[in-house]
Amino acid sequence: MAMEQIVSTQLRLTFFEGYDEASDKNIYVRKSFNNINAFATSDALLAVSEAMATLQTLPLDAVERADVVAIH
Protein backbone atom coordinates (compact mmCIF):
# COMPACT_ATOMS: atom_id res chain seq x y z
CA MET A 1 0.00 0.00 0.00
CA ALA A 2 1.31 3.45 -0.93
CA MET A 3 2.23 5.90 1.83
CA GLU A 4 2.05 9.69 1.49
CA GLN A 5 4.27 12.23 3.22
CA ILE A 6 3.95 16.00 2.90
CA VAL A 7 7.37 17.28 1.82
CA SER A 8 6.63 21.02 1.69
CA THR A 9 3.74 23.45 1.92
CA GLN A 10 3.33 26.81 0.22
CA LEU A 11 0.76 29.53 0.93
CA ARG A 12 -0.33 31.64 -2.05
CA LEU A 13 -2.25 34.89 -1.74
CA THR A 14 -3.83 36.40 -4.84
CA PHE A 15 -4.71 40.09 -4.86
CA PHE A 16 -6.92 41.94 -7.35
CA GLU A 17 -4.90 44.76 -8.91
CA GLY A 18 -7.36 46.07 -11.46
CA TYR A 19 -8.84 45.64 -14.91
CA ASP A 20 -7.06 45.86 -18.25
CA GLU A 21 -9.49 47.32 -20.74
CA ALA A 22 -7.20 46.59 -23.70
CA SER A 23 -7.24 42.82 -23.12
CA ASP A 24 -10.64 42.79 -21.34
CA LYS A 25 -9.15 40.82 -18.40
CA ASN A 26 -8.69 41.25 -14.68
CA ILE A 27 -5.15 41.79 -13.37
CA TYR A 28 -3.99 39.81 -10.35
CA VAL A 29 -0.83 39.87 -8.24
CA ARG A 30 0.27 36.72 -6.42
CA LYS A 31 2.45 36.54 -3.31
CA SER A 32 3.82 33.16 -2.26
CA PHE A 33 5.18 32.09 1.10
CA ASN A 34 7.33 28.97 1.45
CA ASN A 35 8.30 26.86 4.46
CA ILE A 36 4.76 26.76 5.84
CA ASN A 37 4.23 24.22 8.61
CA ALA A 38 2.78 21.11 6.94
CA PHE A 39 0.52 20.51 9.94
CA ALA A 40 -1.08 23.97 9.78
CA THR A 41 -4.85 23.75 9.45
CA SER A 42 -6.77 25.43 6.65
CA ASP A 43 -8.55 27.59 9.23
CA ALA A 44 -5.20 28.80 10.63
CA LEU A 45 -3.85 29.56 7.15
CA LEU A 46 -7.00 31.49 6.25
CA ALA A 47 -6.82 33.51 9.48
CA VAL A 48 -3.18 34.39 8.85
CA SER A 49 -3.92 35.24 5.22
CA GLU A 50 -6.74 37.58 6.18
CA ALA A 51 -4.52 39.26 8.78
CA MET A 52 -1.71 39.72 6.23
CA ALA A 53 -4.21 41.07 3.69
CA THR A 54 -5.00 43.98 6.01
CA LEU A 55 -1.36 45.08 5.59
CA GLN A 56 -1.69 45.21 1.79
CA THR A 57 -3.05 48.00 -0.37
CA LEU A 58 -4.78 45.60 -2.80
CA PRO A 59 -7.88 43.56 -1.91
CA LEU A 60 -7.41 39.84 -1.27
CA ASP A 61 -9.06 37.72 -3.97
CA ALA A 62 -7.99 34.14 -3.21
CA VAL A 63 -6.02 32.02 -0.76
CA GLU A 64 -4.41 28.77 -1.91
CA ARG A 65 -2.46 26.05 -0.15
CA ALA A 66 -0.05 23.99 -2.22
CA ASP A 67 1.30 20.77 -0.69
CA VAL A 68 4.07 18.73 -2.29
CA VAL A 69 3.53 15.11 -1.36
CA ALA A 70 6.02 12.25 -1.68
CA ILE A 71 4.54 8.83 -2.34
CA HIS A 72 6.45 5.85 -0.99
PDB file of N, CA and C in Angstrom:
ATOM      1  N   MET A   1       0.841  -1.178   0.000  1.00  0.00           N
ATOM      2  CA  MET A   1       0.000   0.000   0.000  1.00  0.00           C
ATOM      3  C   MET A   1       0.892   1.249   0.000  1.00  0.00           C
ATOM      4  N   ALA A   2       0.532   2.215  -0.793  1.00  0.00           N
ATOM      5  CA  ALA A   2       1.312   3.451  -0.928  1.00  0.00           C
ATOM      6  C   ALA A   2       1.133   4.333   0.305  1.00  0.00           C
ATOM      7  N   MET A   3       2.237   4.973   0.690  1.00  0.00           N
ATOM      8  CA  MET A   3       2.230   5.901   1.829  1.00  0.00           C
ATOM      9  C   MET A   3       2.498   7.314   1.294  1.00  0.00           C
ATOM     10  N   GLU A   4       1.846   8.295   1.881  1.00  0.00           N
ATOM     11  CA  GLU A   4       2.049   9.687   1.489  1.00  0.00           C
ATOM     12  C   GLU A   4       2.721  10.445   2.621  1.00  0.00           C
ATOM     13  N   GLN A   5       3.606  11.369   2.247  1.00  0.00           N
ATOM     14  CA  GLN A   5       4.265  12.230   3.218  1.00  0.00           C
ATOM     15  C   GLN A   5       4.367  13.629   2.628  1.00  0.00           C
ATOM     16  N   ILE A   6       3.876  14.626   3.372  1.00  0.00           N
ATOM     17  CA  ILE A   6       3.954  16.002   2.896  1.00  0.00           C
ATOM     18  C   ILE A   6       5.406  16.456   3.005  1.00  0.00           C
ATOM     19  N   VAL A   7       5.978  16.856   1.875  1.00  0.00           N
ATOM     20  CA  VAL A   7       7.373  17.285   1.819  1.00  0.00           C
ATOM     21  C   VAL A   7       7.483  18.785   2.092  1.00  0.00           C
ATOM     22  N   SER A   8       6.610  19.569   1.483  1.00  0.00           N
ATOM     23  CA  SER A   8       6.630  21.017   1.694  1.00  0.00           C
ATOM     24  C   SER A   8       5.242  21.589   1.458  1.00  0.00           C
ATOM     25  N   THR A   9       5.023  22.759   2.059  1.00  0.00           N
ATOM     26  CA  THR A   9       3.743  23.451   1.918  1.00  0.00           C
ATOM     27  C   THR A   9       4.014  24.904   1.563  1.00  0.00           C
ATOM     28  N   GLN A  10       3.202  25.431   0.645  1.00  0.00           N
ATOM     29  CA  GLN A  10       3.327  26.814   0.217  1.00  0.00           C
ATOM     30  C   GLN A  10       1.964  27.489   0.353  1.00  0.00           C
ATOM     31  N   LEU A  11       1.971  28.732   0.816  1.00  0.00           N
ATOM     32  CA  LEU A  11       0.760  29.531   0.933  1.00  0.00           C
ATOM     33  C   LEU A  11       0.799  30.589  -0.160  1.00  0.00           C
ATOM     34  N   ARG A  12      -0.264  30.683  -0.948  1.00  0.00           N
ATOM     35  CA  ARG A  12      -0.327  31.644  -2.053  1.00  0.00           C
ATOM     36  C   ARG A  12      -1.510  32.584  -1.845  1.00  0.00           C
ATOM     37  N   LEU A  13      -1.213  33.870  -1.859  1.00  0.00           N
ATOM     38  CA  LEU A  13      -2.249  34.885  -1.741  1.00  0.00           C
ATOM     39  C   LEU A  13      -2.374  35.600  -3.074  1.00  0.00           C
ATOM     40  N   THR A  14      -3.581  35.721  -3.577  1.00  0.00           N
ATOM     41  CA  THR A  14      -3.832  36.404  -4.842  1.00  0.00           C
ATOM     42  C   THR A  14      -4.621  37.673  -4.558  1.00  0.00           C
ATOM     43  N   PHE A  15      -4.099  38.787  -5.068  1.00  0.00           N
ATOM     44  CA  PHE A  15      -4.712  40.093  -4.861  1.00  0.00           C
ATOM     45  C   PHE A  15      -5.206  40.641  -6.197  1.00  0.00           C
ATOM     46  N   PHE A  16      -6.351  41.305  -6.159  1.00  0.00           N
ATOM     47  CA  PHE A  16      -6.919  41.939  -7.353  1.00  0.00           C
ATOM     48  C   PHE A  16      -6.273  43.302  -7.528  1.00  0.00           C
ATOM     49  N   GLU A  17      -5.590  43.496  -8.665  1.00  0.00           N
ATOM     50  CA  GLU A  17      -4.904  44.757  -8.914  1.00  0.00           C
ATOM     51  C   GLU A  17      -5.720  45.718  -9.769  1.00  0.00           C
ATOM     52  N   GLY A  18      -6.563  45.185 -10.620  1.00  0.00           N
ATOM     53  CA  GLY A  18      -7.362  46.070 -11.461  1.00  0.00           C
ATOM     54  C   GLY A  18      -7.861  45.356 -12.701  1.00  0.00           C
ATOM     55  N   TYR A  19      -8.254  46.158 -13.671  1.00  0.00           N
ATOM     56  CA  TYR A  19      -8.844  45.641 -14.908  1.00  0.00           C
ATOM     57  C   TYR A  19      -8.114  46.250 -16.094  1.00  0.00           C
ATOM     58  N   ASP A  20      -7.728  45.404 -17.032  1.00  0.00           N
ATOM     59  CA  ASP A  20      -7.063  45.864 -18.254  1.00  0.00           C
ATOM     60  C   ASP A  20      -8.102  45.931 -19.364  1.00  0.00           C
ATOM     61  N   GLU A  21      -8.458  47.136 -19.719  1.00  0.00           N
ATOM     62  CA  GLU A  21      -9.491  47.318 -20.740  1.00  0.00           C
ATOM     63  C   GLU A  21      -9.021  46.870 -22.114  1.00  0.00           C
ATOM     64  N   ALA A  22      -7.728  46.974 -22.393  1.00  0.00           N
ATOM     65  CA  ALA A  22      -7.203  46.586 -23.702  1.00  0.00           C
ATOM     66  C   ALA A  22      -7.388  45.090 -23.957  1.00  0.00           C
ATOM     67  N   SER A  23      -7.122  44.275 -22.940  1.00  0.00           N
ATOM     68  CA  SER A  23      -7.243  42.821 -23.115  1.00  0.00           C
ATOM     69  C   SER A  23      -8.556  42.292 -22.555  1.00  0.00           C
ATOM     70  N   ASP A  24      -9.348  43.172 -21.917  1.00  0.00           N
ATOM     71  CA  ASP A  24     -10.641  42.787 -21.339  1.00  0.00           C
ATOM     72  C   ASP A  24     -10.480  41.691 -20.291  1.00  0.00           C
ATOM     73  N   LYS A  25      -9.411  41.822 -19.448  1.00  0.00           N
ATOM     74  CA  LYS A  25      -9.149  40.822 -18.401  1.00  0.00           C
ATOM     75  C   LYS A  25      -8.812  41.512 -17.086  1.00  0.00           C
ATOM     76  N   ASN A  26      -9.084  40.783 -15.995  1.00  0.00           N
ATOM     77  CA  ASN A  26      -8.687  41.253 -14.676  1.00  0.00           C
ATOM     78  C   ASN A  26      -7.190  41.051 -14.489  1.00  0.00           C
ATOM     79  N   ILE A  27      -6.582  41.899 -13.673  1.00  0.00           N
ATOM     80  CA  ILE A  27      -5.154  41.786 -13.372  1.00  0.00           C
ATOM     81  C   ILE A  27      -5.014  41.367 -11.916  1.00  0.00           C
ATOM     82  N   TYR A  28      -4.219  40.332 -11.686  1.00  0.00           N
ATOM     83  CA  TYR A  28      -3.993  39.810 -10.345  1.00  0.00           C
ATOM     84  C   TYR A  28      -2.511  39.807 -10.021  1.00  0.00           C
ATOM     85  N   VAL A  29      -2.202  39.957  -8.735  1.00  0.00           N
ATOM     86  CA  VAL A  29      -0.835  39.865  -8.238  1.00  0.00           C
ATOM     87  C   VAL A  29      -0.819  38.725  -7.227  1.00  0.00           C
ATOM     88  N   ARG A  30       0.170  37.858  -7.331  1.00  0.00           N
ATOM     89  CA  ARG A  30       0.267  36.718  -6.419  1.00  0.00           C
ATOM     90  C   ARG A  30       1.507  36.850  -5.550  1.00  0.00           C
ATOM     91  N   LYS A  31       1.329  36.592  -4.249  1.00  0.00           N
ATOM     92  CA  LYS A  31       2.448  36.537  -3.306  1.00  0.00           C
ATOM     93  C   LYS A  31       2.477  35.140  -2.720  1.00  0.00           C
ATOM     94  N   SER A  32       3.663  34.526  -2.748  1.00  0.00           N
ATOM     95  CA  SER A  32       3.820  33.161  -2.261  1.00  0.00           C
ATOM     96  C   SER A  32       4.735  33.131  -1.047  1.00  0.00           C
ATOM     97  N   PHE A  33       4.396  32.263  -0.117  1.00  0.00           N
ATOM     98  CA  PHE A  33       5.177  32.089   1.104  1.00  0.00           C
ATOM     99  C   PHE A  33       5.536  30.614   1.226  1.00  0.00           C
ATOM    100  N   ASN A  34       6.838  30.337   1.333  1.00  0.00           N
ATOM    101  CA  ASN A  34       7.333  28.968   1.446  1.00  0.00           C
ATOM    102  C   ASN A  34       7.590  28.613   2.907  1.00  0.00           C
ATOM    103  N   ASN A  35       7.952  27.368   3.124  1.00  0.00           N
ATOM    104  CA  ASN A  35       8.297  26.859   4.462  1.00  0.00           C
ATOM    105  C   ASN A  35       7.148  26.989   5.451  1.00  0.00           C
ATOM    106  N   ILE A  36       5.938  26.763   4.978  1.00  0.00           N
ATOM    107  CA  ILE A  36       4.761  26.762   5.843  1.00  0.00           C
ATOM    108  C   ILE A  36       4.707  25.419   6.568  1.00  0.00           C
ATOM    109  N   ASN A  37       4.334  25.447   7.829  1.00  0.00           N
ATOM    110  CA  ASN A  37       4.226  24.220   8.609  1.00  0.00           C
ATOM    111  C   ASN A  37       3.215  23.284   7.940  1.00  0.00           C
ATOM    112  N   ALA A  38       3.636  22.075   7.647  1.00  0.00           N
ATOM    113  CA  ALA A  38       2.783  21.108   6.940  1.00  0.00           C
ATOM    114  C   ALA A  38       1.563  20.712   7.759  1.00  0.00           C
ATOM    115  N   PHE A  39       1.631  20.893   9.078  1.00  0.00           N
ATOM    116  CA  PHE A  39       0.517  20.510   9.943  1.00  0.00           C
ATOM    117  C   PHE A  39      -0.442  21.666  10.220  1.00  0.00           C
ATOM    118  N   ALA A  40      -0.199  22.819   9.600  1.00  0.00           N
ATOM    119  CA  ALA A  40      -1.084  23.968   9.776  1.00  0.00           C
ATOM    120  C   ALA A  40      -2.456  23.653   9.190  1.00  0.00           C
ATOM    121  N   THR A  41      -3.490  24.013   9.922  1.00  0.00           N
ATOM    122  CA  THR A  41      -4.846  23.748   9.446  1.00  0.00           C
ATOM    123  C   THR A  41      -5.258  24.803   8.419  1.00  0.00           C
ATOM    124  N   SER A  42      -6.247  24.478   7.646  1.00  0.00           N
ATOM    125  CA  SER A  42      -6.768  25.425   6.654  1.00  0.00           C
ATOM    126  C   SER A  42      -7.347  26.658   7.337  1.00  0.00           C
ATOM    127  N   ASP A  43      -7.999  26.461   8.490  1.00  0.00           N
ATOM    128  CA  ASP A  43      -8.550  27.595   9.235  1.00  0.00           C
ATOM    129  C   ASP A  43      -7.440  28.538   9.695  1.00  0.00           C
ATOM    130  N   ALA A  44      -6.328  27.978  10.168  1.00  0.00           N
ATOM    131  CA  ALA A  44      -5.204  28.801  10.629  1.00  0.00           C
ATOM    132  C   ALA A  44      -4.587  29.565   9.461  1.00  0.00           C
ATOM    133  N   LEU A  45      -4.423  28.897   8.318  1.00  0.00           N
ATOM    134  CA  LEU A  45      -3.852  29.559   7.147  1.00  0.00           C
ATOM    135  C   LEU A  45      -4.758  30.678   6.646  1.00  0.00           C
ATOM    136  N   LEU A  46      -6.055  30.458   6.672  1.00  0.00           N
ATOM    137  CA  LEU A  46      -7.000  31.490   6.248  1.00  0.00           C
ATOM    138  C   LEU A  46      -6.953  32.689   7.196  1.00  0.00           C
ATOM    139  N   ALA A  47      -6.881  32.425   8.499  1.00  0.00           N
ATOM    140  CA  ALA A  47      -6.819  33.511   9.482  1.00  0.00           C
ATOM    141  C   ALA A  47      -5.556  34.349   9.290  1.00  0.00           C
ATOM    142  N   VAL A  48      -4.438  33.681   9.073  1.00  0.00           N
ATOM    143  CA  VAL A  48      -3.177  34.393   8.848  1.00  0.00           C
ATOM    144  C   VAL A  48      -3.241  35.178   7.542  1.00  0.00           C
ATOM    145  N   SER A  49      -3.807  34.575   6.518  1.00  0.00           N
ATOM    146  CA  SER A  49      -3.925  35.243   5.216  1.00  0.00           C
ATOM    147  C   SER A  49      -4.767  36.503   5.314  1.00  0.00           C
ATOM    148  N   GLU A  50      -5.879  36.418   6.022  1.00  0.00           N
ATOM    149  CA  GLU A  50      -6.742  37.581   6.179  1.00  0.00           C
ATOM    150  C   GLU A  50      -6.051  38.676   6.991  1.00  0.00           C
ATOM    151  N   ALA A  51      -5.261  38.277   7.988  1.00  0.00           N
ATOM    152  CA  ALA A  51      -4.517  39.264   8.778  1.00  0.00           C
ATOM    153  C   ALA A  51      -3.446  39.933   7.924  1.00  0.00           C
ATOM    154  N   MET A  52      -2.740  39.154   7.105  1.00  0.00           N
ATOM    155  CA  MET A  52      -1.712  39.723   6.235  1.00  0.00           C
ATOM    156  C   MET A  52      -2.339  40.616   5.164  1.00  0.00           C
ATOM    157  N   ALA A  53      -3.536  40.275   4.731  1.00  0.00           N
ATOM    158  CA  ALA A  53      -4.207  41.068   3.691  1.00  0.00           C
ATOM    159  C   ALA A  53      -4.519  42.479   4.181  1.00  0.00           C
ATOM    160  N   THR A  54      -4.722  42.643   5.484  1.00  0.00           N
ATOM    161  CA  THR A  54      -5.002  43.981   6.009  1.00  0.00           C
ATOM    162  C   THR A  54      -3.780  44.890   5.897  1.00  0.00           C
ATOM    163  N   LEU A  55      -2.593  44.302   5.727  1.00  0.00           N
ATOM    164  CA  LEU A  55      -1.361  45.080   5.587  1.00  0.00           C
ATOM    165  C   LEU A  55      -1.071  45.452   4.138  1.00  0.00           C
ATOM    166  N   GLN A  56      -1.892  44.962   3.221  1.00  0.00           N
ATOM    167  CA  GLN A  56      -1.689  45.207   1.795  1.00  0.00           C
ATOM    168  C   GLN A  56      -2.603  46.329   1.307  1.00  0.00           C
ATOM    169  N   THR A  57      -2.214  46.941   0.207  1.00  0.00           N
ATOM    170  CA  THR A  57      -3.051  48.000  -0.367  1.00  0.00           C
ATOM    171  C   THR A  57      -4.092  47.434  -1.326  1.00  0.00           C
ATOM    172  N   LEU A  58      -3.854  46.225  -1.855  1.00  0.00           N
ATOM    173  CA  LEU A  58      -4.778  45.601  -2.803  1.00  0.00           C
ATOM    174  C   LEU A  58      -5.717  44.653  -2.069  1.00  0.00           C
ATOM    175  N   PRO A  59      -6.945  44.480  -2.563  1.00  0.00           N
ATOM    176  CA  PRO A  59      -7.882  43.557  -1.913  1.00  0.00           C
ATOM    177  C   PRO A  59      -7.514  42.096  -2.184  1.00  0.00           C
ATOM    178  N   LEU A  60      -7.674  41.266  -1.159  1.00  0.00           N
ATOM    179  CA  LEU A  60      -7.410  39.835  -1.267  1.00  0.00           C
ATOM    180  C   LEU A  60      -8.500  39.178  -2.100  1.00  0.00           C
ATOM    181  N   ASP A  61      -8.102  38.392  -3.099  1.00  0.00           N
ATOM    182  CA  ASP A  61      -9.061  37.720  -3.971  1.00  0.00           C
ATOM    183  C   ASP A  61      -9.140  36.220  -3.684  1.00  0.00           C
ATOM    184  N   ALA A  62      -7.983  35.591  -3.406  1.00  0.00           N
ATOM    185  CA  ALA A  62      -7.986  34.141  -3.213  1.00  0.00           C
ATOM    186  C   ALA A  62      -6.828  33.733  -2.306  1.00  0.00           C
ATOM    187  N   VAL A  63      -7.041  32.623  -1.594  1.00  0.00           N
ATOM    188  CA  VAL A  63      -6.018  32.019  -0.755  1.00  0.00           C
ATOM    189  C   VAL A  63      -5.883  30.572  -1.195  1.00  0.00           C
ATOM    190  N   GLU A  64      -4.652  30.149  -1.468  1.00  0.00           N
ATOM    191  CA  GLU A  64      -4.407  28.771  -1.911  1.00  0.00           C
ATOM    192  C   GLU A  64      -3.329  28.133  -1.047  1.00  0.00           C
ATOM    193  N   ARG A  65      -3.473  26.852  -0.829  1.00  0.00           N
ATOM    194  CA  ARG A  65      -2.464  26.051  -0.153  1.00  0.00           C
ATOM    195  C   ARG A  65      -1.974  25.027  -1.152  1.00  0.00           C
ATOM    196  N   ALA A  66      -0.637  24.953  -1.303  1.00  0.00           N
ATOM    197  CA  ALA A  66      -0.053  23.986  -2.225  1.00  0.00           C
ATOM    198  C   ALA A  66       0.863  23.057  -1.445  1.00  0.00           C
ATOM    199  N   ASP A  67       0.493  21.787  -1.379  1.00  0.00           N
ATOM    200  CA  ASP A  67       1.296  20.771  -0.689  1.00  0.00           C
ATOM    201  C   ASP A  67       2.033  19.931  -1.736  1.00  0.00           C
ATOM    202  N   VAL A  68       3.309  19.681  -1.489  1.00  0.00           N
ATOM    203  CA  VAL A  68       4.072  18.735  -2.290  1.00  0.00           C
ATOM    204  C   VAL A  68       4.126  17.448  -1.477  1.00  0.00           C
ATOM    205  N   VAL A  69       3.644  16.371  -2.075  1.00  0.00           N
ATOM    206  CA  VAL A  69       3.528  15.111  -1.364  1.00  0.00           C
ATOM    207  C   VAL A  69       4.420  14.060  -2.023  1.00  0.00           C
ATOM    208  N   ALA A  70       5.211  13.375  -1.191  1.00  0.00           N
ATOM    209  CA  ALA A  70       6.019  12.252  -1.682  1.00  0.00           C
ATOM    210  C   ALA A  70       5.229  10.966  -1.451  1.00  0.00           C
ATOM    211  N   ILE A  71       5.249  10.117  -2.444  1.00  0.00           N
ATOM    212  CA  ILE A  71       4.544   8.828  -2.341  1.00  0.00           C
ATOM    213  C   ILE A  71       5.597   7.734  -2.258  1.00  0.00           C
ATOM    214  N   HIS A  72       5.487   6.937  -1.191  1.00  0.00           N
ATOM    215  CA  HIS A  72       6.455   5.848  -0.990  1.00  0.00           C
ATOM    216  C   HIS A  72       5.781   4.516  -1.258  1.00  0.00           C
TER     217      HIS A  72
END
